Amino acid sequence: MENIEKKLIDVNDAISRILIGGQSYKIGSRSLTRADLNTLLDMQKDLQAQLANQNSNLMDNTYLAIFDGR
C-alpha cells in the first residue's frame, strides 16, 4: 500500500506543478515540458481506485452457506 500512496503523492505533486506553473515553460533558450495533465489525471484516478480497493471492507462480513439435500 505504501507504494501506491507514494505514487499518488508524486502524481498529485506533478498535477499541482502544472496547475501552478503551467504545462511548459522556457528559460532563455532552454524549454521544459511537464507530463501531460490528462495522463496524470488518469493515473490519479487509477491510483485512488487501487487505494480504495485495498481499504475496502466490502466482503469482510460475508458468509457462504451451502444447503445440501432438499
C-alpha atoms as a PDB file:
ATOM      1  CA  MET A   1       0.000   0.000   0.000  1.00  0.00           C
ATOM      2  CA  GLU A   2       2.869   2.376   0.695  1.00  0.00           C
ATOM      3  CA  ASN A   3       3.997   2.156  -2.920  1.00  0.00           C
ATOM      4  CA  ILE A   4       0.578   3.180  -4.220  1.00  0.00           C
ATOM      5  CA  GLU A   5       0.359   6.017  -1.686  1.00  0.00           C
ATOM      6  CA  LYS A   6       3.836   7.242  -2.698  1.00  0.00           C
ATOM      7  CA  LYS A   7       2.910   7.159  -6.373  1.00  0.00           C
ATOM      8  CA  LEU A   8      -0.309   9.056  -5.652  1.00  0.00           C
ATOM      9  CA  ILE A   9       1.630  11.726  -3.739  1.00  0.00           C
ATOM     10  CA  ASP A  10       4.046  12.062  -6.670  1.00  0.00           C
ATOM     11  CA  VAL A  11       1.208  12.296  -9.204  1.00  0.00           C
ATOM     12  CA  ASN A  12      -0.626  14.885  -7.087  1.00  0.00           C
ATOM     13  CA  ASP A  13       2.599  16.883  -6.822  1.00  0.00           C
ATOM     14  CA  ALA A  14       3.081  16.769 -10.604  1.00  0.00           C
ATOM     15  CA  ILE A  15      -0.520  17.898 -11.142  1.00  0.00           C
ATOM     16  CA  SER A  16      -0.030  20.787  -8.710  1.00  0.00           C
ATOM     17  CA  ARG A  17       3.122  21.896 -10.506  1.00  0.00           C
ATOM     18  CA  ILE A  18       1.281  22.000 -13.812  1.00  0.00           C
ATOM     19  CA  LEU A  19      -1.659  23.899 -12.329  1.00  0.00           C
ATOM     20  CA  ILE A  20       0.631  26.438 -10.639  1.00  0.00           C
ATOM     21  CA  GLY A  21       3.426  26.775 -13.179  1.00  0.00           C
ATOM     22  CA  GLY A  22       1.882  25.670 -16.453  1.00  0.00           C
ATOM     23  CA  GLN A  23       2.379  22.721 -18.761  1.00  0.00           C
ATOM     24  CA  SER A  24       5.637  24.061 -20.139  1.00  0.00           C
ATOM     25  CA  TYR A  25       7.964  26.991 -19.704  1.00  0.00           C
ATOM     26  CA  LYS A  26      11.091  28.449 -21.197  1.00  0.00           C
ATOM     27  CA  ILE A  27      14.192  29.891 -19.555  1.00  0.00           C
ATOM     28  CA  GLY A  28      16.474  31.514 -22.077  1.00  0.00           C
ATOM     29  CA  SER A  29      16.991  29.024 -24.867  1.00  0.00           C
ATOM     30  CA  ARG A  30      16.001  26.025 -22.730  1.00  0.00           C
ATOM     31  CA  SER A  31      12.441  24.781 -22.518  1.00  0.00           C
ATOM     32  CA  LEU A  32      10.769  22.265 -20.221  1.00  0.00           C
ATOM     33  CA  THR A  33       7.514  20.450 -20.854  1.00  0.00           C
ATOM     34  CA  ARG A  34       5.947  18.644 -17.941  1.00  0.00           C
ATOM     35  CA  ALA A  35       3.969  15.409 -18.167  1.00  0.00           C
ATOM     36  CA  ASP A  36       0.600  15.559 -19.902  1.00  0.00           C
ATOM     37  CA  LEU A  37      -2.093  16.728 -17.461  1.00  0.00           C
ATOM     38  CA  ASN A  38      -4.745  14.340 -18.795  1.00  0.00           C
ATOM     39  CA  THR A  39      -2.377  11.390 -18.387  1.00  0.00           C
ATOM     40  CA  LEU A  40      -1.641  12.446 -14.811  1.00  0.00           C
ATOM     41  CA  LEU A  41      -5.353  12.811 -14.048  1.00  0.00           C
ATOM     42  CA  ASP A  42      -5.976   9.291 -15.393  1.00  0.00           C
ATOM     43  CA  MET A  43      -3.128   7.976 -13.249  1.00  0.00           C
ATOM     44  CA  GLN A  44      -4.548   9.788 -10.231  1.00  0.00           C
ATOM     45  CA  LYS A  45      -7.980   8.188 -10.695  1.00  0.00           C
ATOM     46  CA  ASP A  46      -6.426   4.749 -11.129  1.00  0.00           C
ATOM     47  CA  LEU A  47      -4.247   5.058  -8.013  1.00  0.00           C
ATOM     48  CA  GLN A  48      -7.165   6.366  -5.964  1.00  0.00           C
ATOM     49  CA  ALA A  49      -9.249   3.394  -7.079  1.00  0.00           C
ATOM     50  CA  GLN A  50      -6.440   0.990  -6.146  1.00  0.00           C
ATOM     51  CA  LEU A  51      -6.204   2.544  -2.685  1.00  0.00           C
ATOM     52  CA  ALA A  52      -9.959   2.418  -2.205  1.00  0.00           C
ATOM     53  CA  ASN A  53      -9.978  -1.218  -3.293  1.00  0.00           C
ATOM     54  CA  GLN A  54      -7.231  -2.105  -0.807  1.00  0.00           C
ATOM     55  CA  ASN A  55      -9.005  -0.283   2.017  1.00  0.00           C
ATOM     56  CA  SER A  56     -12.406  -1.736   1.201  1.00  0.00           C
ATOM     57  CA  ASN A  57     -14.045  -3.968   3.764  1.00  0.00           C
ATOM     58  CA  LEU A  58     -16.852  -4.909   1.402  1.00  0.00           C
ATOM     59  CA  MET A  59     -16.514  -8.673   1.831  1.00  0.00           C
ATOM     60  CA  ASP A  60     -15.270  -8.798   5.444  1.00  0.00           C
ATOM     61  CA  ASN A  61     -18.650  -9.718   6.932  1.00  0.00           C
ATOM     62  CA  THR A  62     -19.721 -12.068   4.160  1.00  0.00           C
ATOM     63  CA  TYR A  63     -20.517 -15.721   4.776  1.00  0.00           C
ATOM     64  CA  LEU A  64     -21.186 -18.573   2.401  1.00  0.00           C
ATOM     65  CA  ALA A  65     -23.861 -21.120   3.199  1.00  0.00           C
ATOM     66  CA  ILE A  66     -24.295 -24.337   1.219  1.00  0.00           C
ATOM     67  CA  PHE A  67     -27.552 -26.196   1.661  1.00  0.00           C
ATOM     68  CA  ASP A  68     -27.280 -29.837   0.589  1.00  0.00           C
ATOM     69  CA  GLY A  69     -30.112 -32.331   0.270  1.00  0.00           C
ATOM     70  CA  ARG A  70     -33.530 -30.883  -0.051  1.00  0.00           C
END
